[in-house]
C-alpha atoms as a PDB file:
ATOM      1  CA  MET A   1     -90.014 224.555-105.529  1.00  0.00           C
ATOM      2  CA  ILE A   2     -88.256 221.287-104.719  1.00  0.00           C
ATOM      3  CA  ASP A   3     -84.852 220.292-106.093  1.00  0.00           C
ATOM      4  CA  ILE A   4     -84.561 216.542-106.657  1.00  0.00           C
ATOM      5  CA  LEU A   5     -80.844 215.767-106.546  1.00  0.00           C
ATOM      6  CA  LEU A   6     -79.892 212.812-108.724  1.00  0.00           C
ATOM      7  CA  ALA A   7     -76.342 211.438-108.860  1.00  0.00           C
ATOM      8  CA  THR A   8     -75.799 208.955-111.719  1.00  0.00           C
ATOM      9  CA  TYR A   9     -73.111 206.595-112.931  1.00  0.00           C
ATOM     10  CA  ASN A  10     -73.631 203.856-115.524  1.00  0.00           C
ATOM     11  CA  GLY A  11     -77.272 203.645-114.561  1.00  0.00           C
ATOM     12  CA  ALA A  12     -78.892 203.279-117.977  1.00  0.00           C
ATOM     13  CA  ARG A  13     -80.389 199.871-117.121  1.00  0.00           C
ATOM     14  CA  PHE A  14     -82.633 201.115-114.320  1.00  0.00           C
ATOM     15  CA  LEU A  15     -82.733 204.880-114.838  1.00  0.00           C
ATOM     16  CA  PRO A  16     -85.804 204.917-117.146  1.00  0.00           C
ATOM     17  CA  ASP A  17     -87.905 203.292-114.392  1.00  0.00           C
ATOM     18  CA  LEU A  18     -86.845 205.933-111.903  1.00  0.00           C
ATOM     19  CA  LEU A  19     -87.456 208.852-114.245  1.00  0.00           C
ATOM     20  CA  SER A  20     -90.871 207.461-115.166  1.00  0.00           C
ATOM     21  CA  SER A  21     -91.798 207.323-111.470  1.00  0.00           C
ATOM     22  CA  LEU A  22     -90.733 210.961-111.056  1.00  0.00           C
ATOM     23  CA  ALA A  23     -92.808 212.011-114.052  1.00  0.00           C
ATOM     24  CA  GLN A  24     -95.845 210.336-112.453  1.00  0.00           C
ATOM     25  CA  GLN A  25     -95.596 212.067-109.063  1.00  0.00           C
ATOM     26  CA  THR A  26     -98.844 213.553-107.789  1.00  0.00           C
ATOM     27  CA  TYR A  27     -96.867 216.676-106.819  1.00  0.00           C
ATOM     28  CA  GLN A  28     -95.054 218.211-109.782  1.00  0.00           C
ATOM     29  CA  ASN A  29     -93.486 221.469-108.585  1.00  0.00           C
ATOM     30  CA  PHE A  30     -89.919 220.161-108.758  1.00  0.00           C
ATOM     31  CA  THR A  31     -86.756 220.296-110.833  1.00  0.00           C
ATOM     32  CA  ILE A  32     -84.399 217.330-111.189  1.00  0.00           C
ATOM     33  CA  ARG A  33     -80.758 218.343-110.895  1.00  0.00           C
ATOM     34  CA  ALA A  34     -78.703 215.465-112.294  1.00  0.00           C
ATOM     35  CA  LEU A  35     -74.940 215.097-111.918  1.00  0.00           C
ATOM     36  CA  ASP A  36     -73.337 212.272-113.877  1.00  0.00           C
ATOM     37  CA  ASP A  37     -69.991 210.852-112.765  1.00  0.00           C
ATOM     38  CA  GLY A  38     -68.512 210.129-116.196  1.00  0.00           C
ATOM     39  CA  SER A  39     -70.778 207.272-117.268  1.00  0.00           C
ATOM     40  CA  THR A  40     -69.578 205.065-120.118  1.00  0.00           C
ATOM     41  CA  ASP A  41     -73.017 203.610-120.905  1.00  0.00           C
ATOM     42  CA  GLU A  42     -76.152 205.391-122.171  1.00  0.00           C
ATOM     43  CA  THR A  43     -76.939 207.178-118.912  1.00  0.00           C
ATOM     44  CA  THR A  44     -76.489 210.710-120.231  1.00  0.00           C
ATOM     45  CA  SER A  45     -78.539 209.859-123.320  1.00  0.00           C
ATOM     46  CA  VAL A  46     -81.378 208.661-121.086  1.00  0.00           C
ATOM     47  CA  LEU A  47     -81.200 211.888-119.075  1.00  0.00           C
ATOM     48  CA  THR A  48     -81.087 214.048-122.194  1.00  0.00           C
ATOM     49  CA  ALA A  49     -84.058 212.226-123.730  1.00  0.00           C
ATOM     50  CA  PHE A  50     -86.097 212.707-120.548  1.00  0.00           C
ATOM     51  CA  ALA A  51     -85.221 216.417-120.478  1.00  0.00           C
ATOM     52  CA  GLY A  52     -86.407 216.723-124.077  1.00  0.00           C
ATOM     53  CA  LYS A  53     -89.757 215.071-123.326  1.00  0.00           C
ATOM     54  CA  HIS A  54     -90.280 217.044-120.113  1.00  0.00           C
ATOM     55  CA  PRO A  55     -89.108 220.625-120.759  1.00  0.00           C
ATOM     56  CA  GLY A  56     -87.900 222.421-117.650  1.00  0.00           C
ATOM     57  CA  LYS A  57     -88.005 219.310-115.480  1.00  0.00           C
ATOM     58  CA  LEU A  58     -84.370 218.160-115.630  1.00  0.00           C
ATOM     59  CA  LYS A  59     -81.104 220.084-115.562  1.00  0.00           C
ATOM     60  CA  LEU A  60     -77.934 218.102-116.277  1.00  0.00           C
ATOM     61  CA  GLU A  61     -75.126 219.654-114.267  1.00  0.00           C
ATOM     62  CA  PRO A  62     -71.611 219.644-115.794  1.00  0.00           C
ATOM     63  CA  GLN A  63     -69.117 217.133-114.414  1.00  0.00           C
ATOM     64  CA  ALA A  64     -65.563 216.482-115.557  1.00  0.00           C
ATOM     65  CA  GLY A  65     -64.464 212.847-115.514  1.00  0.00           C
ATOM     66  CA  HIS A  66     -65.115 210.073-113.040  1.00  0.00           C
ATOM     67  CA  THR A  67     -64.617 210.625-109.309  1.00  0.00           C
ATOM     68  CA  GLY A  68     -66.044 207.358-107.997  1.00  0.00           C
ATOM     69  CA  ASP A  69     -67.564 209.260-105.073  1.00  0.00           C
ATOM     70  CA  PRO A  70     -71.391 209.109-105.117  1.00  0.00           C
ATOM     71  CA  SER A  71     -71.698 210.738-101.704  1.00  0.00           C
ATOM     72  CA  GLY A  72     -69.364 213.532-102.790  1.00  0.00           C
ATOM     73  CA  ASN A  73     -71.533 214.107-105.841  1.00  0.00           C
ATOM     74  CA  PHE A  74     -74.587 214.472-103.613  1.00  0.00           C
ATOM     75  CA  TYR A  75     -72.739 217.053-101.510  1.00  0.00           C
ATOM     76  CA  ARG A  76     -71.913 218.940-104.689  1.00  0.00           C
ATOM     77  CA  LEU A  77     -75.518 218.775-105.858  1.00  0.00           C
ATOM     78  CA  LEU A  78     -76.622 220.085-102.479  1.00  0.00           C
ATOM     79  CA  GLY A  79     -74.339 223.068-102.993  1.00  0.00           C
ATOM     80  CA  LEU A  80     -76.020 223.716-106.356  1.00  0.00           C
ATOM     81  CA  SER A  81     -79.534 223.451-104.944  1.00  0.00           C
ATOM     82  CA  GLN A  82     -81.590 226.641-105.036  1.00  0.00           C
ATOM     83  CA  GLY A  83     -85.075 225.405-104.159  1.00  0.00           C
ATOM     84  CA  ASP A  84     -87.029 225.838-100.970  1.00  0.00           C
ATOM     85  CA  TYR A  85     -86.587 222.106-100.362  1.00  0.00           C
ATOM     86  CA  ALA A  86     -84.269 219.354-101.529  1.00  0.00           C
ATOM     87  CA  MET A  87     -84.688 215.603-101.980  1.00  0.00           C
ATOM     88  CA  PHE A  88     -82.138 212.953-102.927  1.00  0.00           C
ATOM     89  CA  CYS A  89     -82.596 210.361-105.609  1.00  0.00           C
ATOM     90  CA  ASP A  90     -80.811 207.095-106.451  1.00  0.00           C
ATOM     91  CA  GLN A  91     -80.702 206.073-110.094  1.00  0.00           C
ATOM     92  CA  ASP A  92     -81.910 202.505-109.567  1.00  0.00           C
ATOM     93  CA  ASP A  93     -84.969 203.065-107.334  1.00  0.00           C
ATOM     94  CA  ILE A  94     -88.636 203.687-108.069  1.00  0.00           C
ATOM     95  CA  TRP A  95     -90.626 206.325-106.218  1.00  0.00           C
ATOM     96  CA  ALA A  96     -94.209 205.784-105.045  1.00  0.00           C
ATOM     97  CA  ARG A  97     -96.559 208.246-106.762  1.00  0.00           C
ATOM     98  CA  ASP A  98     -97.303 210.107-103.514  1.00  0.00           C
ATOM     99  CA  LYS A  99     -93.725 210.211-102.223  1.00  0.00           C
ATOM    100  CA  ILE A 100     -93.189 213.947-102.649  1.00  0.00           C
ATOM    101  CA  ARG A 101     -96.697 214.933-101.536  1.00  0.00           C
ATOM    102  CA  LEU A 102     -96.583 212.885 -98.332  1.00  0.00           C
ATOM    103  CA  SER A 103     -93.155 214.146 -97.282  1.00  0.00           C
ATOM    104  CA  LEU A 104     -93.959 217.754 -98.144  1.00  0.00           C
ATOM    105  CA  ARG A 105     -97.208 217.625 -96.177  1.00  0.00           C
ATOM    106  CA  GLU A 106     -95.292 216.538 -93.069  1.00  0.00           C
ATOM    107  CA  MET A 107     -92.621 219.174 -93.698  1.00  0.00           C
ATOM    108  CA  GLN A 108     -95.190 221.946 -93.970  1.00  0.00           C
ATOM    109  CA  ARG A 109     -96.923 220.763 -90.798  1.00  0.00           C
ATOM    110  CA  LEU A 110     -93.656 221.121 -88.897  1.00  0.00           C
ATOM    111  CA  GLU A 111     -92.742 224.428 -90.512  1.00  0.00           C
ATOM    112  CA  GLU A 112     -96.042 225.919 -89.348  1.00  0.00           C
ATOM    113  CA  GLN A 113     -94.713 225.520 -85.813  1.00  0.00           C
ATOM    114  CA  ASP A 114     -91.337 227.112 -86.613  1.00  0.00           C
ATOM    115  CA  PRO A 115     -90.619 228.150 -90.229  1.00  0.00           C
ATOM    116  CA  LEU A 116     -86.935 228.842 -89.521  1.00  0.00           C
ATOM    117  CA  ARG A 117     -86.163 225.485 -87.877  1.00  0.00           C
ATOM    118  CA  PRO A 118     -83.892 223.074 -89.816  1.00  0.00           C
ATOM    119  CA  ILE A 119     -86.061 220.032 -90.588  1.00  0.00           C
ATOM    120  CA  LEU A 120     -85.433 216.621 -92.149  1.00  0.00           C
ATOM    121  CA  VAL A 121     -88.313 214.301 -93.083  1.00  0.00           C
ATOM    122  CA  HIS A 122     -87.613 210.690 -94.036  1.00  0.00           C
ATOM    123  CA  THR A 123     -89.619 207.522 -94.653  1.00  0.00           C
ATOM    124  CA  ASP A 124     -89.480 203.757 -94.811  1.00  0.00           C
ATOM    125  CA  LEU A 125     -88.686 201.830 -98.015  1.00  0.00           C
ATOM    126  CA  GLU A 126     -89.763 198.561 -99.591  1.00  0.00           C
ATOM    127  CA  VAL A 127     -86.742 196.381-100.339  1.00  0.00           C
ATOM    128  CA  VAL A 128     -86.951 194.670-103.740  1.00  0.00           C
ATOM    129  CA  ASP A 129     -84.614 192.680-105.986  1.00  0.00           C
ATOM    130  CA  ALA A 130     -83.447 193.654-109.470  1.00  0.00           C
ATOM    131  CA  ASP A 131     -86.772 192.482-110.941  1.00  0.00           C
ATOM    132  CA  LEU A 132     -88.822 194.330-108.309  1.00  0.00           C
ATOM    133  CA  ARG A 133     -89.747 191.209-106.345  1.00  0.00           C
ATOM    134  CA  CYS A 134     -90.358 192.155-102.721  1.00  0.00           C
ATOM    135  CA  LEU A 135     -87.671 191.136-100.233  1.00  0.00           C
ATOM    136  CA  SER A 136     -89.190 193.083 -97.347  1.00  0.00           C
ATOM    137  CA  HIS A 137     -92.075 195.518 -97.064  1.00  0.00           C
ATOM    138  CA  SER A 138     -90.057 197.500 -94.526  1.00  0.00           C
ATOM    139  CA  PHE A 139     -86.393 198.458 -94.770  1.00  0.00           C
ATOM    140  CA  MET A 140     -86.478 199.423 -91.097  1.00  0.00           C
ATOM    141  CA  HIS A 141     -87.580 195.913 -90.142  1.00  0.00           C
ATOM    142  CA  TYR A 142     -85.158 194.286 -92.598  1.00  0.00           C
ATOM    143  CA  GLU A 143     -82.210 196.208 -91.142  1.00  0.00           C
ATOM    144  CA  ASN A 144     -83.526 196.077 -87.549  1.00  0.00           C
ATOM    145  CA  LEU A 145     -83.506 199.864 -87.193  1.00  0.00           C
ATOM    146  CA  ASP A 146     -85.690 202.079 -85.027  1.00  0.00           C
ATOM    147  CA  PRO A 147     -86.477 205.519 -86.480  1.00  0.00           C
ATOM    148  CA  ARG A 148     -87.588 206.722 -83.039  1.00  0.00           C
ATOM    149  CA  PHE A 149     -83.888 206.920 -82.166  1.00  0.00           C
ATOM    150  CA  ARG A 150     -83.062 210.421 -83.368  1.00  0.00           C
ATOM    151  CA  THR A 151     -80.848 211.977 -80.695  1.00  0.00           C
ATOM    152  CA  LEU A 152     -77.318 212.960 -81.679  1.00  0.00           C
ATOM    153  CA  PRO A 153     -75.644 210.154 -79.629  1.00  0.00           C
ATOM    154  CA  ARG A 154     -77.976 207.542 -81.127  1.00  0.00           C
ATOM    155  CA  LEU A 155     -77.386 208.710 -84.684  1.00  0.00           C
ATOM    156  CA  VAL A 156     -73.630 208.923 -84.215  1.00  0.00           C
ATOM    157  CA  VAL A 157     -73.495 205.222 -83.386  1.00  0.00           C
ATOM    158  CA  GLN A 158     -76.130 204.091 -85.903  1.00  0.00           C
ATOM    159  CA  ASN A 159     -77.694 205.985 -88.783  1.00  0.00           C
ATOM    160  CA  ASN A 160     -81.325 205.155 -89.536  1.00  0.00           C
ATOM    161  CA  VAL A 161     -81.980 207.780 -92.226  1.00  0.00           C
ATOM    162  CA  THR A 162     -81.805 206.595 -95.838  1.00  0.00           C
ATOM    163  CA  GLY A 163     -80.750 209.254 -98.330  1.00  0.00           C
ATOM    164  CA  CYS A 164     -83.267 208.514-101.073  1.00  0.00           C
ATOM    165  CA  THR A 165     -86.152 209.120 -98.636  1.00  0.00           C
ATOM    166  CA  ILE A 166     -84.966 212.512 -97.360  1.00  0.00           C
ATOM    167  CA  LEU A 167     -86.808 215.794 -97.762  1.00  0.00           C
ATOM    168  CA  MET A 168     -84.933 218.728 -96.202  1.00  0.00           C
ATOM    169  CA  ASN A 169     -85.826 222.386 -95.978  1.00  0.00           C
ATOM    170  CA  LYS A 170     -83.691 225.380 -96.875  1.00  0.00           C
ATOM    171  CA  ALA A 171     -82.931 226.072 -93.208  1.00  0.00           C
ATOM    172  CA  LEU A 172     -81.273 222.658 -92.897  1.00  0.00           C
ATOM    173  CA  ARG A 173     -79.497 222.968 -96.232  1.00  0.00           C
ATOM    174  CA  ASP A 174     -77.975 226.251 -95.109  1.00  0.00           C
ATOM    175  CA  MET A 175     -76.695 224.560 -91.921  1.00  0.00           C
ATOM    176  CA  VAL A 176     -74.759 221.855 -93.757  1.00  0.00           C
ATOM    177  CA  ARG A 177     -70.977 222.057 -93.729  1.00  0.00           C
ATOM    178  CA  VAL A 178     -69.300 219.495 -95.963  1.00  0.00           C
ATOM    179  CA  PRO A 179     -67.230 217.049 -93.866  1.00  0.00           C
ATOM    180  CA  ASP A 180     -63.453 217.133 -94.150  1.00  0.00           C
ATOM    181  CA  GLU A 181     -63.286 213.346 -94.575  1.00  0.00           C
ATOM    182  CA  PRO A 182     -65.556 210.765 -96.246  1.00  0.00           C
ATOM    183  CA  VAL A 183     -68.926 210.431 -94.493  1.00  0.00           C
ATOM    184  CA  MET A 184     -72.092 209.194 -96.198  1.00  0.00           C
ATOM    185  CA  TYR A 185     -74.247 212.198 -96.959  1.00  0.00           C
ATOM    186  CA  ASP A 186     -77.467 210.830 -95.416  1.00  0.00           C
ATOM    187  CA  TRP A 187     -75.717 210.077 -92.122  1.00  0.00           C
ATOM    188  CA  TRP A 188     -74.176 213.559 -92.114  1.00  0.00           C
ATOM    189  CA  LEU A 189     -77.513 215.248 -92.800  1.00  0.00           C
ATOM    190  CA  ALA A 190     -79.162 213.202 -90.054  1.00  0.00           C
ATOM    191  CA  LEU A 191     -76.495 214.289 -87.571  1.00  0.00           C
ATOM    192  CA  THR A 192     -76.863 217.927 -88.598  1.00  0.00           C
ATOM    193  CA  ALA A 193     -80.650 217.847 -88.306  1.00  0.00           C
ATOM    194  CA  SER A 194     -80.472 216.088 -84.935  1.00  0.00           C
ATOM    195  CA  ALA A 195     -77.912 218.507 -83.510  1.00  0.00           C
ATOM    196  CA  PHE A 196     -79.511 221.739 -84.675  1.00  0.00           C
ATOM    197  CA  GLY A 197     -83.074 221.045 -85.768  1.00  0.00           C
ATOM    198  CA  GLU A 198     -85.657 218.297 -86.018  1.00  0.00           C
ATOM    199  CA  ILE A 199     -86.117 214.893 -87.665  1.00  0.00           C
ATOM    200  CA  SER A 200     -89.527 213.468 -88.499  1.00  0.00           C
ATOM    201  CA  TYR A 201     -90.212 209.931 -89.739  1.00  0.00           C
ATOM    202  CA  LEU A 202     -93.117 208.665 -91.851  1.00  0.00           C
ATOM    203  CA  LYS A 203     -93.756 204.934 -91.723  1.00  0.00           C
ATOM    204  CA  ASP A 204     -94.943 204.897 -95.350  1.00  0.00           C
ATOM    205  CA  ALA A 205     -92.658 202.972 -97.733  1.00  0.00           C
ATOM    206  CA  THR A 206     -92.263 205.639-100.410  1.00  0.00           C
ATOM    207  CA  VAL A 207     -89.465 203.998-102.419  1.00  0.00           C
ATOM    208  CA  LEU A 208     -88.900 200.630-104.055  1.00  0.00           C
ATOM    209  CA  TYR A 209     -85.288 200.177-102.903  1.00  0.00           C
ATOM    210  CA  ARG A 210     -83.756 197.976-105.557  1.00  0.00           C
ATOM    211  CA  GLN A 211     -80.994 195.514-104.595  1.00  0.00           C
ATOM    212  CA  HIS A 212     -79.109 194.250-107.611  1.00  0.00           C
ATOM    213  CA  GLY A 213     -75.556 193.390-106.542  1.00  0.00           C
ATOM    214  CA  SER A 214     -73.992 196.670-107.667  1.00  0.00           C
ATOM    215  CA  ASN A 215     -75.414 198.993-105.025  1.00  0.00           C
ATOM    216  CA  VAL A 216     -72.884 201.376-103.501  1.00  0.00           C
ATOM    217  CA  VAL A 217     -74.742 200.983-100.218  1.00  0.00           C
ATOM    218  CA  GLY A 218     -77.428 198.338 -99.961  1.00  0.00           C
ATOM    219  CA  ALA A 219     -79.758 196.612 -97.553  1.00  0.00           C
ATOM    220  CA  SER A 220     -78.786 193.586 -95.470  1.00  0.00           C
ATOM    221  CA  ASN A 221     -81.110 191.189 -93.707  1.00  0.00           C
ATOM    222  CA  VAL A 222     -79.586 191.580 -90.253  1.00  0.00           C
ATOM    223  CA  ARG A 223     -82.122 189.130 -88.808  1.00  0.00           C
ATOM    224  CA  SER A 224     -80.615 186.274 -90.800  1.00  0.00           C
ATOM    225  CA  ALA A 225     -78.745 183.577 -88.871  1.00  0.00           C
ATOM    226  CA  GLY A 226     -75.368 184.281 -90.428  1.00  0.00           C
ATOM    227  CA  TYR A 227     -75.341 188.074 -90.357  1.00  0.00           C
ATOM    228  CA  ALA A 228     -73.586 188.619 -87.016  1.00  0.00           C
ATOM    229  CA  ALA A 229     -71.104 185.802 -87.620  1.00  0.00           C
ATOM    230  CA  SER A 230     -70.153 187.133 -91.050  1.00  0.00           C
ATOM    231  CA  ARG A 231     -69.656 190.665 -89.692  1.00  0.00           C
ATOM    232  CA  LEU A 232     -67.409 189.324 -86.961  1.00  0.00           C
ATOM    233  CA  ALA A 233     -65.408 187.042 -89.238  1.00  0.00           C
ATOM    234  CA  SER A 234     -64.837 189.709 -91.883  1.00  0.00           C
ATOM    235  CA  GLY A 235     -63.874 192.407 -89.402  1.00  0.00           C
ATOM    236  CA  GLU A 236     -66.645 194.613 -90.744  1.00  0.00           C
ATOM    237  CA  GLY A 237     -68.139 195.076 -87.291  1.00  0.00           C
ATOM    238  CA  ARG A 238     -64.919 196.575 -85.928  1.00  0.00           C
ATOM    239  CA  ARG A 239     -64.421 198.744 -89.027  1.00  0.00           C
ATOM    240  CA  SER A 240     -67.967 200.027 -88.685  1.00  0.00           C
ATOM    241  CA  LEU A 241     -67.298 201.081 -85.093  1.00  0.00           C
ATOM    242  CA  GLN A 242     -64.079 202.800 -86.124  1.00  0.00           C
ATOM    243  CA  GLN A 243     -66.059 204.766 -88.705  1.00  0.00           C
ATOM    244  CA  THR A 244     -68.461 205.990 -86.016  1.00  0.00           C
ATOM    245  CA  TYR A 245     -65.510 207.256 -83.937  1.00  0.00           C
ATOM    246  CA  ARG A 246     -64.041 209.087 -86.955  1.00  0.00           C
ATOM    247  CA  THR A 247     -67.408 210.566 -87.862  1.00  0.00           C
ATOM    248  CA  ALA A 248     -67.933 211.866 -84.327  1.00  0.00           C
ATOM    249  CA  GLY A 249     -64.560 213.584 -84.463  1.00  0.00           C
ATOM    250  CA  CYS A 250     -65.263 214.969 -87.914  1.00  0.00           C
ATOM    251  CA  PHE A 251     -68.638 216.363 -86.854  1.00  0.00           C
ATOM    252  CA  LEU A 252     -67.055 217.961 -83.792  1.00  0.00           C
ATOM    253  CA  ARG A 253     -64.363 219.648 -85.928  1.00  0.00           C
ATOM    254  CA  CYS A 254     -66.865 220.951 -88.473  1.00  0.00           C
ATOM    255  CA  TYR A 255     -69.418 222.356 -86.032  1.00  0.00           C
ATOM    256  CA  THR A 256     -67.458 223.154 -82.860  1.00  0.00           C
ATOM    257  CA  ASP A 257     -68.434 226.830 -82.876  1.00  0.00           C
ATOM    258  CA  ILE A 258     -72.188 226.138 -82.773  1.00  0.00           C
ATOM    259  CA  LEU A 259     -72.427 222.858 -80.862  1.00  0.00           C
ATOM    260  CA  SER A 260     -73.595 223.018 -77.255  1.00  0.00           C
ATOM    261  CA  ALA A 261     -71.143 222.210 -74.480  1.00  0.00           C
ATOM    262  CA  SER A 262     -72.854 218.872 -73.804  1.00  0.00           C
ATOM    263  CA  GLN A 263     -72.765 217.944 -77.495  1.00  0.00           C
ATOM    264  CA  GLN A 264     -69.070 218.787 -77.686  1.00  0.00           C
ATOM    265  CA  ASP A 265     -68.414 216.748 -74.563  1.00  0.00           C
ATOM    266  CA  PHE A 266     -70.125 213.645 -75.924  1.00  0.00           C
ATOM    267  CA  LEU A 267     -68.568 213.881 -79.389  1.00  0.00           C
ATOM    268  CA  GLY A 268     -65.082 214.401 -77.998  1.00  0.00           C
ATOM    269  CA  GLN A 269     -65.329 211.458 -75.642  1.00  0.00           C
ATOM    270  CA  TYR A 270     -66.949 209.216 -78.223  1.00  0.00           C
ATOM    271  CA  ALA A 271     -64.307 210.047 -80.843  1.00  0.00           C
ATOM    272  CA  ASP A 272     -61.662 208.735 -78.416  1.00  0.00           C
ATOM    273  CA  LEU A 273     -63.620 205.645 -77.431  1.00  0.00           C
ATOM    274  CA  GLY A 274     -61.416 203.358 -79.518  1.00  0.00           C
ATOM    275  CA  SER A 275     -58.627 203.749 -76.969  1.00  0.00           C
ATOM    276  CA  ALA A 276     -60.898 203.441 -73.936  1.00  0.00           C
ATOM    277  CA  GLY A 277     -61.282 200.431 -71.696  1.00  0.00           C
ATOM    278  CA  PHE A 278     -64.368 198.258 -71.435  1.00  0.00           C
ATOM    279  CA  PHE A 279     -65.869 199.973 -68.396  1.00  0.00           C
ATOM    280  CA  GLN A 280     -65.166 203.450 -69.762  1.00  0.00           C
ATOM    281  CA  ARG A 281     -67.050 202.513 -72.953  1.00  0.00           C
ATOM    282  CA  LEU A 282     -69.852 201.029 -70.888  1.00  0.00           C
ATOM    283  CA  ARG A 283     -70.239 204.208 -68.820  1.00  0.00           C
ATOM    284  CA  LEU A 284     -70.251 206.564 -71.789  1.00  0.00           C
ATOM    285  CA  LEU A 285     -72.637 204.502 -73.904  1.00  0.00           C
ATOM    286  CA  THR A 286     -75.007 203.979 -70.987  1.00  0.00           C
ATOM    287  CA  ARG A 287     -74.965 207.602 -69.837  1.00  0.00           C
ATOM    288  CA  HIS A 288     -75.846 208.893 -73.299  1.00  0.00           C
ATOM    289  CA  ARG A 289     -78.016 205.920 -74.288  1.00  0.00           C
ATOM    290  CA  ALA A 290     -75.787 205.598 -77.309  1.00  0.00           C
ATOM    291  CA  TYR A 291     -76.354 201.954 -78.074  1.00  0.00           C
ATOM    292  CA  LYS A 292     -77.138 200.433 -81.442  1.00  0.00           C
ATOM    293  CA  LYS A 293     -80.400 198.544 -81.843  1.00  0.00           C
ATOM    294  CA  GLY A 294     -80.179 194.803 -81.259  1.00  0.00           C
ATOM    295  CA  LEU A 295     -78.363 192.702 -78.671  1.00  0.00           C
ATOM    296  CA  ALA A 296     -75.648 191.517 -81.067  1.00  0.00           C
ATOM    297  CA  ARG A 297     -74.839 195.089 -82.054  1.00  0.00           C
ATOM    298  CA  LYS A 298     -74.737 196.264 -78.434  1.00  0.00           C
ATOM    299  CA  PHE A 299     -72.449 193.352 -77.601  1.00  0.00           C
ATOM    300  CA  GLY A 300     -70.198 194.324 -80.505  1.00  0.00           C
ATOM    301  CA  GLN A 301     -69.967 197.919 -79.297  1.00  0.00           C
ATOM    302  CA  LEU A 302     -68.655 196.771 -75.942  1.00  0.00           C
ATOM    303  CA  VAL A 303     -66.453 193.862 -77.004  1.00  0.00           C
ATOM    304  CA  LEU A 304     -65.121 195.140 -80.344  1.00  0.00           C
ATOM    305  CA  GLY A 305     -65.126 198.818 -79.395  1.00  0.00           C
ATOM    306  CA  ARG A 306     -61.447 199.048 -78.519  1.00  0.00           C
ATOM    307  CA  THR A 307     -59.481 199.662 -81.705  1.00  0.00           C
ATOM    308  CA  GLU A 308     -56.056 200.574 -80.376  1.00  0.00           C
END
């Protein structure tokens, strides 16, 4: 049984499309666990109507008030999950009909080799606008990401796992310790899987990833001429690096007792990289091959990396 974890908030406009795509999956042994964050539109009515039409397919978990923390809601849903596997679901996307089947087939292939190993399977996405017009057939290309980069140092500096494409097994779910400060759940799961298990990527675009101006986290065309300049001018590049330092420190605190000595060494040094000099950053990033993808990003790591 698969738990599909769906966090919602004022999603009534797009939610019917998503739920319809779930109902049409070629693999149907799943339960949708939905957690609403105090919606003021018709979101809960849409969920309730779907549950009535598809008995046993959707469970609406109780939530009190509005937290404004989508990632926190996914962590809570993960704690409620009881299935053999878990997937994550955004309210405004559309799933390809074979999404579950393809990911589960890869998961089962890997579990045959080691059924107790924590495993995360993820896929590509097709980036579309609010009216489902294609912006890019590949999110990985659009964002200039390389899913072959799956070591812990690589994923600390740059996450390439998108939450709504994840399938994780029970062994990975049982490894997850909720971070003690805000970290996006997909990044955290990728780090956990990389440190203690295995990550597998499927190049299939299994989700229509809708961009509509209200996304909590969206896609950006990093190949556009103005992307690097806008990141520099806004200070977002430096803030992004600071977040990677904080996340490294957070991961080290949460998992110190089971991390290897080399993992602890890298995380500790990387967490302090904001106070390091240029050549110290260069040595650490080079030794661990902990560079982001793309020349502009690598340049930013070295030039903007000092934050103190």
